[in-house]
């Protein structure tokens, strides 16, 4: 089952992200289960870009997520939206 969770963290500073999208499902490339967190970048240089963090397996606990080894990339919001569609099978 593919899961997506959109959260709105309480801003702790003016540069805090407005939202975070957590996805769980099959990786579009490998087919193995993975977890992603997509967060908008707060930067004047990269408007409409997101940080995308990926971890093998399904991680649901925040403490486990913080300690997991992540692969981090920067994508445009359109690329991140396409990733979310692929993971959700839409």
C-alpha atoms as a PDB file:
ATOM      1  CA  UNK A   1       0.000   0.000   0.000  1.00  0.00           C
ATOM      2  CA  UNK A   2       1.257   3.468  -0.871  1.00  0.00           C
ATOM      3  CA  UNK A   3       0.894   6.170   1.742  1.00  0.00           C
ATOM      4  CA  UNK A   4       1.280   9.921   1.560  1.00  0.00           C
ATOM      5  CA  UNK A   5       1.133  12.275   4.500  1.00  0.00           C
ATOM      6  CA  UNK A   6       1.211  16.052   4.196  1.00  0.00           C
ATOM      7  CA  UNK A   7       2.124  17.833   7.395  1.00  0.00           C
ATOM      8  CA  UNK A   8       2.379  21.488   8.242  1.00  0.00           C
ATOM      9  CA  UNK A   9       5.043  21.825  10.929  1.00  0.00           C
ATOM     10  CA  UNK A  10       4.757  24.712  13.336  1.00  0.00           C
ATOM     11  CA  UNK A  11       7.161  27.370  12.048  1.00  0.00           C
ATOM     12  CA  UNK A  12      10.040  27.869  14.451  1.00  0.00           C
ATOM     13  CA  UNK A  13      11.751  30.551  12.393  1.00  0.00           C
ATOM     14  CA  UNK A  14      11.023  32.700   9.333  1.00  0.00           C
ATOM     15  CA  UNK A  15      12.979  30.191   7.223  1.00  0.00           C
ATOM     16  CA  UNK A  16      11.053  27.103   8.374  1.00  0.00           C
ATOM     17  CA  UNK A  17       9.376  25.148   5.539  1.00  0.00           C
ATOM     18  CA  UNK A  18       5.643  25.642   5.113  1.00  0.00           C
ATOM     19  CA  UNK A  19       4.956  21.915   4.604  1.00  0.00           C
ATOM     20  CA  UNK A  20       6.505  18.444   4.376  1.00  0.00           C
ATOM     21  CA  UNK A  21       5.217  15.567   2.252  1.00  0.00           C
ATOM     22  CA  UNK A  22       6.028  12.025   3.387  1.00  0.00           C
ATOM     23  CA  UNK A  23       5.613   9.233   0.840  1.00  0.00           C
ATOM     24  CA  UNK A  24       5.853   5.479   1.318  1.00  0.00           C
ATOM     25  CA  UNK A  25       5.663   3.015  -1.516  1.00  0.00           C
ATOM     26  CA  UNK A  26       7.583   1.218  -4.239  1.00  0.00           C
ATOM     27  CA  UNK A  27      10.585   3.039  -5.690  1.00  0.00           C
ATOM     28  CA  UNK A  28       9.793   3.799  -9.357  1.00  0.00           C
ATOM     29  CA  UNK A  29      13.298   2.661 -10.395  1.00  0.00           C
ATOM     30  CA  UNK A  30      14.064  -0.357  -8.188  1.00  0.00           C
ATOM     31  CA  UNK A  31      10.565  -1.494  -7.204  1.00  0.00           C
ATOM     32  CA  UNK A  32      11.657  -1.878  -3.562  1.00  0.00           C
ATOM     33  CA  UNK A  33       9.722  -0.197  -0.759  1.00  0.00           C
ATOM     34  CA  UNK A  34      11.049   3.206   0.290  1.00  0.00           C
ATOM     35  CA  UNK A  35      10.155   6.337   2.253  1.00  0.00           C
ATOM     36  CA  UNK A  36      10.618   9.900   0.982  1.00  0.00           C
ATOM     37  CA  UNK A  37      10.276  13.289   2.650  1.00  0.00           C
ATOM     38  CA  UNK A  38       9.776  16.240   0.318  1.00  0.00           C
ATOM     39  CA  UNK A  39      10.280  19.706   1.786  1.00  0.00           C
ATOM     40  CA  UNK A  40      10.287  23.047  -0.041  1.00  0.00           C
ATOM     41  CA  UNK A  41      13.627  24.825  -0.048  1.00  0.00           C
ATOM     42  CA  UNK A  42      13.660  28.184   1.674  1.00  0.00           C
ATOM     43  CA  UNK A  43      16.141  30.004  -0.530  1.00  0.00           C
ATOM     44  CA  UNK A  44      16.151  33.047  -2.763  1.00  0.00           C
ATOM     45  CA  UNK A  45      18.416  31.208  -5.221  1.00  0.00           C
ATOM     46  CA  UNK A  46      16.244  28.111  -5.701  1.00  0.00           C
ATOM     47  CA  UNK A  47      12.658  29.294  -5.929  1.00  0.00           C
ATOM     48  CA  UNK A  48      10.172  26.451  -6.556  1.00  0.00           C
ATOM     49  CA  UNK A  49      12.640  23.712  -5.580  1.00  0.00           C
ATOM     50  CA  UNK A  50      12.358  20.973  -2.973  1.00  0.00           C
ATOM     51  CA  UNK A  51      14.718  18.852  -0.937  1.00  0.00           C
ATOM     52  CA  UNK A  52      13.885  15.173  -1.450  1.00  0.00           C
ATOM     53  CA  UNK A  53      15.227  12.704   1.114  1.00  0.00           C
ATOM     54  CA  UNK A  54      14.919   8.958   0.401  1.00  0.00           C
ATOM     55  CA  UNK A  55      15.414   5.973   2.711  1.00  0.00           C
ATOM     56  CA  UNK A  56      15.141   2.252   1.916  1.00  0.00           C
ATOM     57  CA  UNK A  57      12.146   0.603   3.611  1.00  0.00           C
ATOM     58  CA  UNK A  58       9.069   2.033   5.283  1.00  0.00           C
ATOM     59  CA  UNK A  59       9.899   4.305   8.191  1.00  0.00           C
ATOM     60  CA  UNK A  60       7.054   5.675  10.281  1.00  0.00           C
ATOM     61  CA  UNK A  61       8.722   6.750  13.534  1.00  0.00           C
ATOM     62  CA  UNK A  62      10.356  10.225  13.584  1.00  0.00           C
ATOM     63  CA  UNK A  63      13.301   9.043  15.714  1.00  0.00           C
ATOM     64  CA  UNK A  64      14.085   6.260  13.251  1.00  0.00           C
ATOM     65  CA  UNK A  65      13.816   8.723  10.345  1.00  0.00           C
ATOM     66  CA  UNK A  66      16.283  11.092  12.014  1.00  0.00           C
ATOM     67  CA  UNK A  67      18.857   8.299  12.409  1.00  0.00           C
ATOM     68  CA  UNK A  68      18.374   6.653   9.008  1.00  0.00           C
ATOM     69  CA  UNK A  69      20.929   7.003   6.221  1.00  0.00           C
ATOM     70  CA  UNK A  70      19.289   9.205   3.606  1.00  0.00           C
ATOM     71  CA  UNK A  71      19.972  10.005  -0.031  1.00  0.00           C
ATOM     72  CA  UNK A  72      19.214  13.697  -0.508  1.00  0.00           C
ATOM     73  CA  UNK A  73      18.549  15.405  -3.834  1.00  0.00           C
ATOM     74  CA  UNK A  74      17.159  18.748  -4.942  1.00  0.00           C
ATOM     75  CA  UNK A  75      14.273  18.727  -7.418  1.00  0.00           C
ATOM     76  CA  UNK A  76      11.935  21.272  -8.885  1.00  0.00           C
ATOM     77  CA  UNK A  77       8.436  21.171  -7.428  1.00  0.00           C
ATOM     78  CA  UNK A  78       7.198  19.709 -10.729  1.00  0.00           C
ATOM     79  CA  UNK A  79       9.748  16.873 -10.510  1.00  0.00           C
ATOM     80  CA  UNK A  80       8.778  16.223  -6.891  1.00  0.00           C
ATOM     81  CA  UNK A  81       5.094  16.170  -7.894  1.00  0.00           C
ATOM     82  CA  UNK A  82       5.854  13.625 -10.645  1.00  0.00           C
ATOM     83  CA  UNK A  83       7.750  11.486  -8.112  1.00  0.00           C
ATOM     84  CA  UNK A  84       4.732  11.562  -5.796  1.00  0.00           C
ATOM     85  CA  UNK A  85       2.492  10.491  -8.688  1.00  0.00           C
ATOM     86  CA  UNK A  86       4.814   7.627  -9.614  1.00  0.00           C
ATOM     87  CA  UNK A  87       5.074   6.380  -6.033  1.00  0.00           C
ATOM     88  CA  UNK A  88       1.311   6.556  -5.536  1.00  0.00           C
ATOM     89  CA  UNK A  89       0.695   4.805  -8.858  1.00  0.00           C
ATOM     90  CA  UNK A  90      -1.269   7.650 -10.402  1.00  0.00           C
END
